[in-house]
């Protein structure tokens, strides 16, 4: 569960960074710093470990009969009192429901900002900017959908187990119960495994960062920021720049993809 909680907090941190980079580019320069990113990464895993620590007390070692009739040791997380139920319910609210609401709001604002025609340079490069905007929107939507599709089955199963009576849980049968549990866990871990693949497949910036991490420091950027003068220059007086900020959305898009 520590990995799941850390994944939820990490995707929130990345989403806020993208919100500032695209919607508030002037603030991103001093808010999204390398030092602050390192601090956030440390805090994310410290919080994830501390929040998951009560599992060590709640979890009990029991011996149950497996489907083949053999007796096997298993670790069970019992929710047999109010505080245990409150703890598991709070985990679902804090690490699933609240992130869902925040991500929907953040990405809604990002998509709205990207689709504002008044913030786009009116020039012959309009088609390229439109394609870049669509790529960013597609990446954001893919990450959000993957996150909640992968985490939802496990959260629903946990919520049902702590709210349903013991008789209803036992009616599932041992084999069905463990099949559901293993399927939900695979989906849960799949989210953490697939996120880097999504970012590297869609985002040039993440691919470059990954290569630099491996030691390829002399990579040529596939996209770079052009001077503002180049973006605002006109040839026949028909091109326009309606963005009020000195850093345009087109620039941010070229840097983020």
C-alpha atoms as a PDB file:
ATOM      1  CA  UNK A   1       0.000   0.000   0.000  1.00  0.00           C
ATOM      2  CA  UNK A   2       2.940   2.334   0.518  1.00  0.00           C
ATOM      3  CA  UNK A   3       3.638   2.253  -3.228  1.00  0.00           C
ATOM      4  CA  UNK A   4      -0.016   2.975  -4.029  1.00  0.00           C
ATOM      5  CA  UNK A   5      -0.150   5.937  -1.664  1.00  0.00           C
ATOM      6  CA  UNK A   6       3.166   7.238  -2.948  1.00  0.00           C
ATOM      7  CA  UNK A   7       1.903   6.898  -6.513  1.00  0.00           C
ATOM      8  CA  UNK A   8      -1.212   8.932  -5.712  1.00  0.00           C
ATOM      9  CA  UNK A   9       0.809  11.737  -4.147  1.00  0.00           C
ATOM     10  CA  UNK A  10       3.387  11.655  -6.939  1.00  0.00           C
ATOM     11  CA  UNK A  11       0.823  12.014  -9.701  1.00  0.00           C
ATOM     12  CA  UNK A  12      -0.692  14.927  -7.773  1.00  0.00           C
ATOM     13  CA  UNK A  13       2.696  16.624  -7.576  1.00  0.00           C
ATOM     14  CA  UNK A  14       3.301  16.111 -11.305  1.00  0.00           C
ATOM     15  CA  UNK A  15      -0.166  17.459 -12.099  1.00  0.00           C
ATOM     16  CA  UNK A  16       0.437  20.626 -10.091  1.00  0.00           C
ATOM     17  CA  UNK A  17       3.768  21.097 -11.878  1.00  0.00           C
ATOM     18  CA  UNK A  18       2.073  20.816 -15.254  1.00  0.00           C
ATOM     19  CA  UNK A  19      -0.673  23.185 -14.145  1.00  0.00           C
ATOM     20  CA  UNK A  20       1.868  25.857 -13.244  1.00  0.00           C
ATOM     21  CA  UNK A  21       3.950  25.202 -16.376  1.00  0.00           C
ATOM     22  CA  UNK A  22       0.990  25.617 -18.735  1.00  0.00           C
ATOM     23  CA  UNK A  23      -1.479  27.890 -16.913  1.00  0.00           C
ATOM     24  CA  UNK A  24       0.866  30.029 -14.791  1.00  0.00           C
ATOM     25  CA  UNK A  25       4.202  30.028 -16.641  1.00  0.00           C
ATOM     26  CA  UNK A  26       5.510  33.144 -14.887  1.00  0.00           C
ATOM     27  CA  UNK A  27       5.166  31.483 -11.479  1.00  0.00           C
ATOM     28  CA  UNK A  28       6.548  28.150 -12.660  1.00  0.00           C
ATOM     29  CA  UNK A  29      10.047  29.572 -12.939  1.00  0.00           C
ATOM     30  CA  UNK A  30      10.436  30.090  -9.197  1.00  0.00           C
ATOM     31  CA  UNK A  31       7.880  27.622  -7.827  1.00  0.00           C
ATOM     32  CA  UNK A  32       8.850  24.531  -9.846  1.00  0.00           C
ATOM     33  CA  UNK A  33      12.531  24.404  -8.931  1.00  0.00           C
ATOM     34  CA  UNK A  34      14.811  21.383  -8.691  1.00  0.00           C
ATOM     35  CA  UNK A  35      15.298  21.833  -4.949  1.00  0.00           C
ATOM     36  CA  UNK A  36      11.567  22.053  -4.346  1.00  0.00           C
ATOM     37  CA  UNK A  37      11.026  18.938  -6.468  1.00  0.00           C
ATOM     38  CA  UNK A  38      13.534  16.975  -4.363  1.00  0.00           C
ATOM     39  CA  UNK A  39      11.836  18.138  -1.157  1.00  0.00           C
ATOM     40  CA  UNK A  40       8.411  17.134  -2.491  1.00  0.00           C
ATOM     41  CA  UNK A  41       9.678  13.676  -3.499  1.00  0.00           C
ATOM     42  CA  UNK A  42      11.049  13.099   0.004  1.00  0.00           C
ATOM     43  CA  UNK A  43       7.840  14.350   1.639  1.00  0.00           C
ATOM     44  CA  UNK A  44       5.706  12.156  -0.619  1.00  0.00           C
ATOM     45  CA  UNK A  45       7.404   8.950   0.518  1.00  0.00           C
ATOM     46  CA  UNK A  46       7.667  10.026   4.150  1.00  0.00           C
ATOM     47  CA  UNK A  47       3.915  10.693   4.227  1.00  0.00           C
ATOM     48  CA  UNK A  48       3.184   7.435   2.370  1.00  0.00           C
ATOM     49  CA  UNK A  49       5.235   5.399   4.870  1.00  0.00           C
ATOM     50  CA  UNK A  50       3.754   7.120   7.935  1.00  0.00           C
ATOM     51  CA  UNK A  51       0.179   6.767   6.719  1.00  0.00           C
ATOM     52  CA  UNK A  52       0.662   3.080   5.904  1.00  0.00           C
ATOM     53  CA  UNK A  53       2.484   2.320   9.187  1.00  0.00           C
ATOM     54  CA  UNK A  54      -0.742   1.488  11.133  1.00  0.00           C
ATOM     55  CA  UNK A  55      -1.073  -1.555   8.858  1.00  0.00           C
ATOM     56  CA  UNK A  56       1.672  -3.180  10.939  1.00  0.00           C
ATOM     57  CA  UNK A  57      -0.634  -3.069  13.961  1.00  0.00           C
ATOM     58  CA  UNK A  58      -3.876  -3.919  12.169  1.00  0.00           C
ATOM     59  CA  UNK A  59      -2.498  -6.860  10.174  1.00  0.00           C
ATOM     60  CA  UNK A  60      -2.768 -10.256  11.874  1.00  0.00           C
ATOM     61  CA  UNK A  61      -1.166 -13.577  10.999  1.00  0.00           C
ATOM     62  CA  UNK A  62      -3.769 -16.317  10.626  1.00  0.00           C
ATOM     63  CA  UNK A  63      -3.921 -19.866   9.335  1.00  0.00           C
ATOM     64  CA  UNK A  64      -6.730 -20.634   6.903  1.00  0.00           C
ATOM     65  CA  UNK A  65      -7.766 -23.542   4.733  1.00  0.00           C
ATOM     66  CA  UNK A  66      -6.807 -23.032   1.085  1.00  0.00           C
ATOM     67  CA  UNK A  67      -8.872 -24.205  -1.900  1.00  0.00           C
ATOM     68  CA  UNK A  68      -6.965 -27.499  -2.075  1.00  0.00           C
ATOM     69  CA  UNK A  69      -7.632 -28.246   1.593  1.00  0.00           C
ATOM     70  CA  UNK A  70      -4.170 -27.356   2.872  1.00  0.00           C
ATOM     71  CA  UNK A  71      -3.620 -24.991   5.801  1.00  0.00           C
ATOM     72  CA  UNK A  72      -1.651 -21.898   4.797  1.00  0.00           C
ATOM     73  CA  UNK A  73      -0.523 -18.822   6.756  1.00  0.00           C
ATOM     74  CA  UNK A  74      -1.992 -15.525   5.560  1.00  0.00           C
ATOM     75  CA  UNK A  75      -1.821 -11.908   6.682  1.00  0.00           C
ATOM     76  CA  UNK A  76      -5.295 -10.486   7.237  1.00  0.00           C
ATOM     77  CA  UNK A  77      -6.211  -6.842   7.730  1.00  0.00           C
ATOM     78  CA  UNK A  78      -9.131  -7.002  10.095  1.00  0.00           C
ATOM     79  CA  UNK A  79     -11.643  -4.164  10.226  1.00  0.00           C
ATOM     80  CA  UNK A  80     -13.586  -5.400  13.226  1.00  0.00           C
ATOM     81  CA  UNK A  81     -14.006  -2.108  15.077  1.00  0.00           C
ATOM     82  CA  UNK A  82     -14.879   1.500  14.366  1.00  0.00           C
ATOM     83  CA  UNK A  83     -11.305   2.805  14.288  1.00  0.00           C
ATOM     84  CA  UNK A  84     -10.148   0.179  11.816  1.00  0.00           C
ATOM     85  CA  UNK A  85     -13.083   0.944   9.523  1.00  0.00           C
ATOM     86  CA  UNK A  86     -12.446   4.678   9.871  1.00  0.00           C
ATOM     87  CA  UNK A  87      -8.778   4.164   9.023  1.00  0.00           C
ATOM     88  CA  UNK A  88      -9.429   2.207   5.819  1.00  0.00           C
ATOM     89  CA  UNK A  89     -12.220   4.576   4.788  1.00  0.00           C
ATOM     90  CA  UNK A  90      -9.964   7.585   5.324  1.00  0.00           C
ATOM     91  CA  UNK A  91      -7.289   6.000   3.119  1.00  0.00           C
ATOM     92  CA  UNK A  92      -9.816   5.677   0.301  1.00  0.00           C
ATOM     93  CA  UNK A  93     -10.965   9.275   0.735  1.00  0.00           C
ATOM     94  CA  UNK A  94      -7.485  10.812   1.069  1.00  0.00           C
ATOM     95  CA  UNK A  95      -5.659   8.795  -1.569  1.00  0.00           C
ATOM     96  CA  UNK A  96      -8.434   8.185  -4.110  1.00  0.00           C
ATOM     97  CA  UNK A  97     -11.485  10.434  -3.828  1.00  0.00           C
ATOM     98  CA  UNK A  98      -9.666  13.689  -3.057  1.00  0.00           C
ATOM     99  CA  UNK A  99      -6.963  13.125  -5.723  1.00  0.00           C
ATOM    100  CA  UNK A 100      -9.726  12.338  -8.222  1.00  0.00           C
ATOM    101  CA  UNK A 101     -11.454  15.664  -7.543  1.00  0.00           C
ATOM    102  CA  UNK A 102      -8.186  17.622  -7.603  1.00  0.00           C
ATOM    103  CA  UNK A 103      -6.990  16.001 -10.834  1.00  0.00           C
ATOM    104  CA  UNK A 104     -10.302  16.599 -12.581  1.00  0.00           C
ATOM    105  CA  UNK A 105     -10.198  20.281 -11.588  1.00  0.00           C
ATOM    106  CA  UNK A 106      -6.528  20.736 -12.513  1.00  0.00           C
ATOM    107  CA  UNK A 107      -6.747  19.013 -15.872  1.00  0.00           C
ATOM    108  CA  UNK A 108     -10.024  20.768 -16.602  1.00  0.00           C
ATOM    109  CA  UNK A 109      -8.273  24.108 -16.104  1.00  0.00           C
ATOM    110  CA  UNK A 110      -5.309  22.950 -18.191  1.00  0.00           C
ATOM    111  CA  UNK A 111      -7.504  21.796 -21.068  1.00  0.00           C
ATOM    112  CA  UNK A 112      -9.526  25.016 -20.902  1.00  0.00           C
ATOM    113  CA  UNK A 113      -6.322  27.045 -21.007  1.00  0.00           C
ATOM    114  CA  UNK A 114      -4.936  25.074 -23.925  1.00  0.00           C
ATOM    115  CA  UNK A 115      -8.123  25.469 -25.925  1.00  0.00           C
ATOM    116  CA  UNK A 116      -8.379  29.231 -25.529  1.00  0.00           C
ATOM    117  CA  UNK A 117      -7.874  30.585 -29.018  1.00  0.00           C
ATOM    118  CA  UNK A 118      -7.082  34.015 -27.630  1.00  0.00           C
ATOM    119  CA  UNK A 119      -3.855  32.660 -26.142  1.00  0.00           C
ATOM    120  CA  UNK A 120      -2.605  31.122 -29.394  1.00  0.00           C
ATOM    121  CA  UNK A 121      -0.376  32.830 -31.939  1.00  0.00           C
ATOM    122  CA  UNK A 122      -2.275  33.572 -35.146  1.00  0.00           C
ATOM    123  CA  UNK A 123       0.303  32.640 -37.759  1.00  0.00           C
ATOM    124  CA  UNK A 124       1.166  30.072 -40.368  1.00  0.00           C
ATOM    125  CA  UNK A 125       2.292  27.738 -37.572  1.00  0.00           C
ATOM    126  CA  UNK A 126      -1.260  27.441 -36.242  1.00  0.00           C
ATOM    127  CA  UNK A 127      -1.634  23.837 -37.380  1.00  0.00           C
ATOM    128  CA  UNK A 128       1.544  22.813 -35.578  1.00  0.00           C
ATOM    129  CA  UNK A 129       0.425  24.524 -32.372  1.00  0.00           C
ATOM    130  CA  UNK A 130      -2.972  22.816 -32.651  1.00  0.00           C
ATOM    131  CA  UNK A 131      -1.297  19.431 -33.038  1.00  0.00           C
ATOM    132  CA  UNK A 132       0.917  20.128 -30.023  1.00  0.00           C
ATOM    133  CA  UNK A 133      -2.072  21.160 -27.921  1.00  0.00           C
ATOM    134  CA  UNK A 134      -3.898  17.970 -28.846  1.00  0.00           C
ATOM    135  CA  UNK A 135      -0.846  15.923 -27.863  1.00  0.00           C
ATOM    136  CA  UNK A 136      -0.693  17.562 -24.436  1.00  0.00           C
ATOM    137  CA  UNK A 137      -4.429  17.071 -23.869  1.00  0.00           C
ATOM    138  CA  UNK A 138      -4.168  13.431 -24.958  1.00  0.00           C
ATOM    139  CA  UNK A 139      -1.271  12.800 -22.573  1.00  0.00           C
ATOM    140  CA  UNK A 140      -3.078  14.381 -19.625  1.00  0.00           C
ATOM    141  CA  UNK A 141      -6.289  12.477 -20.317  1.00  0.00           C
ATOM    142  CA  UNK A 142      -4.415   9.178 -20.706  1.00  0.00           C
ATOM    143  CA  UNK A 143      -2.606   9.574 -17.383  1.00  0.00           C
ATOM    144  CA  UNK A 144      -5.778  10.461 -15.469  1.00  0.00           C
ATOM    145  CA  UNK A 145      -7.861   7.665 -16.997  1.00  0.00           C
ATOM    146  CA  UNK A 146      -5.112   5.082 -16.412  1.00  0.00           C
ATOM    147  CA  UNK A 147      -4.666   6.202 -12.818  1.00  0.00           C
ATOM    148  CA  UNK A 148      -8.301   5.802 -11.838  1.00  0.00           C
ATOM    149  CA  UNK A 149      -9.036   2.721 -13.944  1.00  0.00           C
ATOM    150  CA  UNK A 150      -6.149   0.895 -12.268  1.00  0.00           C
ATOM    151  CA  UNK A 151      -6.864   2.033  -8.701  1.00  0.00           C
ATOM    152  CA  UNK A 152     -10.650   1.917  -8.688  1.00  0.00           C
ATOM    153  CA  UNK A 153     -11.115  -1.914  -8.484  1.00  0.00           C
ATOM    154  CA  UNK A 154      -8.898  -2.232  -5.403  1.00  0.00           C
ATOM    155  CA  UNK A 155     -10.486   0.730  -3.620  1.00  0.00           C
ATOM    156  CA  UNK A 156     -13.982  -0.580  -4.336  1.00  0.00           C
ATOM    157  CA  UNK A 157     -13.051  -4.064  -3.103  1.00  0.00           C
ATOM    158  CA  UNK A 158     -11.564  -2.698   0.132  1.00  0.00           C
ATOM    159  CA  UNK A 159     -14.603  -0.480   0.706  1.00  0.00           C
ATOM    160  CA  UNK A 160     -16.957  -3.415   0.139  1.00  0.00           C
ATOM    161  CA  UNK A 161     -14.997  -5.687   2.499  1.00  0.00           C
ATOM    162  CA  UNK A 162     -15.029  -3.193   5.380  1.00  0.00           C
ATOM    163  CA  UNK A 163     -18.703  -2.294   4.925  1.00  0.00           C
ATOM    164  CA  UNK A 164     -20.189  -5.698   4.074  1.00  0.00           C
ATOM    165  CA  UNK A 165     -21.010  -8.241   6.737  1.00  0.00           C
ATOM    166  CA  UNK A 166     -18.683 -11.168   7.362  1.00  0.00           C
ATOM    167  CA  UNK A 167     -21.336 -13.552   6.056  1.00  0.00           C
ATOM    168  CA  UNK A 168     -21.474 -11.831   2.660  1.00  0.00           C
ATOM    169  CA  UNK A 169     -17.708 -11.919   2.345  1.00  0.00           C
ATOM    170  CA  UNK A 170     -17.637 -15.629   3.177  1.00  0.00           C
ATOM    171  CA  UNK A 171     -20.359 -16.315   0.605  1.00  0.00           C
ATOM    172  CA  UNK A 172     -17.900 -15.422  -2.135  1.00  0.00           C
ATOM    173  CA  UNK A 173     -15.837 -18.479  -1.354  1.00  0.00           C
ATOM    174  CA  UNK A 174     -12.120 -18.612  -0.775  1.00  0.00           C
ATOM    175  CA  UNK A 175     -11.189 -19.042  -4.450  1.00  0.00           C
ATOM    176  CA  UNK A 176     -13.376 -16.193  -5.713  1.00  0.00           C
ATOM    177  CA  UNK A 177     -12.206 -13.912  -2.925  1.00  0.00           C
ATOM    178  CA  UNK A 178      -8.519 -14.428  -3.668  1.00  0.00           C
ATOM    179  CA  UNK A 179      -9.044 -14.182  -7.433  1.00  0.00           C
ATOM    180  CA  UNK A 180     -10.672 -10.786  -6.955  1.00  0.00           C
ATOM    181  CA  UNK A 181      -7.970  -9.712  -4.528  1.00  0.00           C
ATOM    182  CA  UNK A 182      -5.117 -10.741  -6.834  1.00  0.00           C
ATOM    183  CA  UNK A 183      -6.771  -9.090  -9.849  1.00  0.00           C
ATOM    184  CA  UNK A 184      -7.231  -5.821  -7.960  1.00  0.00           C
ATOM    185  CA  UNK A 185      -3.650  -5.907  -6.708  1.00  0.00           C
ATOM    186  CA  UNK A 186      -2.305  -6.508 -10.208  1.00  0.00           C
ATOM    187  CA  UNK A 187      -4.299  -3.506 -11.442  1.00  0.00           C
ATOM    188  CA  UNK A 188      -2.990  -1.464  -8.522  1.00  0.00           C
ATOM    189  CA  UNK A 189       0.662  -2.232  -9.253  1.00  0.00           C
ATOM    190  CA  UNK A 190       0.103  -1.919 -12.999  1.00  0.00           C
ATOM    191  CA  UNK A 191      -0.609   1.779 -12.529  1.00  0.00           C
ATOM    192  CA  UNK A 192       2.824   2.363 -11.019  1.00  0.00           C
ATOM    193  CA  UNK A 193       4.483   0.305 -13.755  1.00  0.00           C
ATOM    194  CA  UNK A 194       2.671   1.846 -16.705  1.00  0.00           C
ATOM    195  CA  UNK A 195       3.036   5.538 -15.810  1.00  0.00           C
ATOM    196  CA  UNK A 196       6.717   5.791 -16.845  1.00  0.00           C
ATOM    197  CA  UNK A 197       5.873   4.033 -20.115  1.00  0.00           C
ATOM    198  CA  UNK A 198       3.063   6.486 -20.822  1.00  0.00           C
ATOM    199  CA  UNK A 199       5.188   9.531 -20.110  1.00  0.00           C
ATOM    200  CA  UNK A 200       8.115   8.254 -22.177  1.00  0.00           C
ATOM    201  CA  UNK A 201       5.863   7.246 -25.064  1.00  0.00           C
ATOM    202  CA  UNK A 202       4.048  10.578 -25.261  1.00  0.00           C
ATOM    203  CA  UNK A 203       6.328  13.214 -23.737  1.00  0.00           C
ATOM    204  CA  UNK A 204       9.618  14.229 -25.346  1.00  0.00           C
ATOM    205  CA  UNK A 205      10.624  16.061 -22.177  1.00  0.00           C
ATOM    206  CA  UNK A 206      10.334  12.919 -20.066  1.00  0.00           C
ATOM    207  CA  UNK A 207      12.257  10.874 -22.633  1.00  0.00           C
ATOM    208  CA  UNK A 208      15.086  13.386 -22.559  1.00  0.00           C
ATOM    209  CA  UNK A 209      15.106  13.423 -18.766  1.00  0.00           C
ATOM    210  CA  UNK A 210      15.197   9.622 -18.691  1.00  0.00           C
ATOM    211  CA  UNK A 211      18.129   9.541 -21.098  1.00  0.00           C
ATOM    212  CA  UNK A 212      19.983  12.146 -19.051  1.00  0.00           C
ATOM    213  CA  UNK A 213      19.432   9.997 -15.973  1.00  0.00           C
ATOM    214  CA  UNK A 214      21.117   7.111 -17.788  1.00  0.00           C
ATOM    215  CA  UNK A 215      24.092   9.332 -18.518  1.00  0.00           C
ATOM    216  CA  UNK A 216      23.333  10.617 -22.011  1.00  0.00           C
ATOM    217  CA  UNK A 217      23.914  14.276 -21.186  1.00  0.00           C
ATOM    218  CA  UNK A 218      24.646  15.600 -24.665  1.00  0.00           C
ATOM    219  CA  UNK A 219      21.244  14.922 -26.118  1.00  0.00           C
ATOM    220  CA  UNK A 220      19.844  17.463 -28.527  1.00  0.00           C
ATOM    221  CA  UNK A 221      16.447  18.669 -27.441  1.00  0.00           C
ATOM    222  CA  UNK A 222      13.714  17.660 -29.809  1.00  0.00           C
ATOM    223  CA  UNK A 223      11.844  20.836 -28.982  1.00  0.00           C
ATOM    224  CA  UNK A 224      13.116  24.116 -27.692  1.00  0.00           C
ATOM    225  CA  UNK A 225      11.830  27.574 -26.860  1.00  0.00           C
ATOM    226  CA  UNK A 226      12.174  30.145 -29.552  1.00  0.00           C
ATOM    227  CA  UNK A 227      12.749  33.796 -28.698  1.00  0.00           C
ATOM    228  CA  UNK A 228       9.596  35.767 -28.059  1.00  0.00           C
ATOM    229  CA  UNK A 229      10.534  38.131 -30.853  1.00  0.00           C
ATOM    230  CA  UNK A 230      10.351  35.277 -33.360  1.00  0.00           C
ATOM    231  CA  UNK A 231       6.883  34.357 -32.178  1.00  0.00           C
ATOM    232  CA  UNK A 232       5.547  37.898 -32.200  1.00  0.00           C
ATOM    233  CA  UNK A 233       7.065  39.062 -35.479  1.00  0.00           C
ATOM    234  CA  UNK A 234       4.704  39.660 -38.393  1.00  0.00           C
ATOM    235  CA  UNK A 235       5.229  39.691 -42.125  1.00  0.00           C
ATOM    236  CA  UNK A 236       2.124  41.264 -43.619  1.00  0.00           C
ATOM    237  CA  UNK A 237       0.663  42.704 -40.461  1.00  0.00           C
ATOM    238  CA  UNK A 238      -2.023  40.018 -40.372  1.00  0.00           C
ATOM    239  CA  UNK A 239      -0.438  37.800 -37.720  1.00  0.00           C
ATOM    240  CA  UNK A 240      -1.406  38.547 -34.155  1.00  0.00           C
ATOM    241  CA  UNK A 241      -0.466  37.579 -30.624  1.00  0.00           C
ATOM    242  CA  UNK A 242      -3.314  37.805 -28.152  1.00  0.00           C
ATOM    243  CA  UNK A 243      -1.549  36.334 -25.151  1.00  0.00           C
ATOM    244  CA  UNK A 244      -1.147  38.820 -22.315  1.00  0.00           C
ATOM    245  CA  UNK A 245       1.730  36.961 -20.694  1.00  0.00           C
ATOM    246  CA  UNK A 246       5.281  37.506 -21.865  1.00  0.00           C
ATOM    247  CA  UNK A 247       5.626  33.711 -22.030  1.00  0.00           C
ATOM    248  CA  UNK A 248       3.084  32.265 -24.427  1.00  0.00           C
ATOM    249  CA  UNK A 249       1.190  29.015 -24.280  1.00  0.00           C
ATOM    250  CA  UNK A 250       2.816  28.043 -27.562  1.00  0.00           C
ATOM    251  CA  UNK A 251       6.213  28.320 -25.910  1.00  0.00           C
ATOM    252  CA  UNK A 252       5.113  26.254 -22.948  1.00  0.00           C
ATOM    253  CA  UNK A 253       3.624  23.619 -25.229  1.00  0.00           C
ATOM    254  CA  UNK A 254       6.849  23.308 -27.191  1.00  0.00           C
ATOM    255  CA  UNK A 255       8.770  22.863 -23.953  1.00  0.00           C
ATOM    256  CA  UNK A 256       6.367  20.437 -22.322  1.00  0.00           C
ATOM    257  CA  UNK A 257       5.785  17.948 -25.138  1.00  0.00           C
END
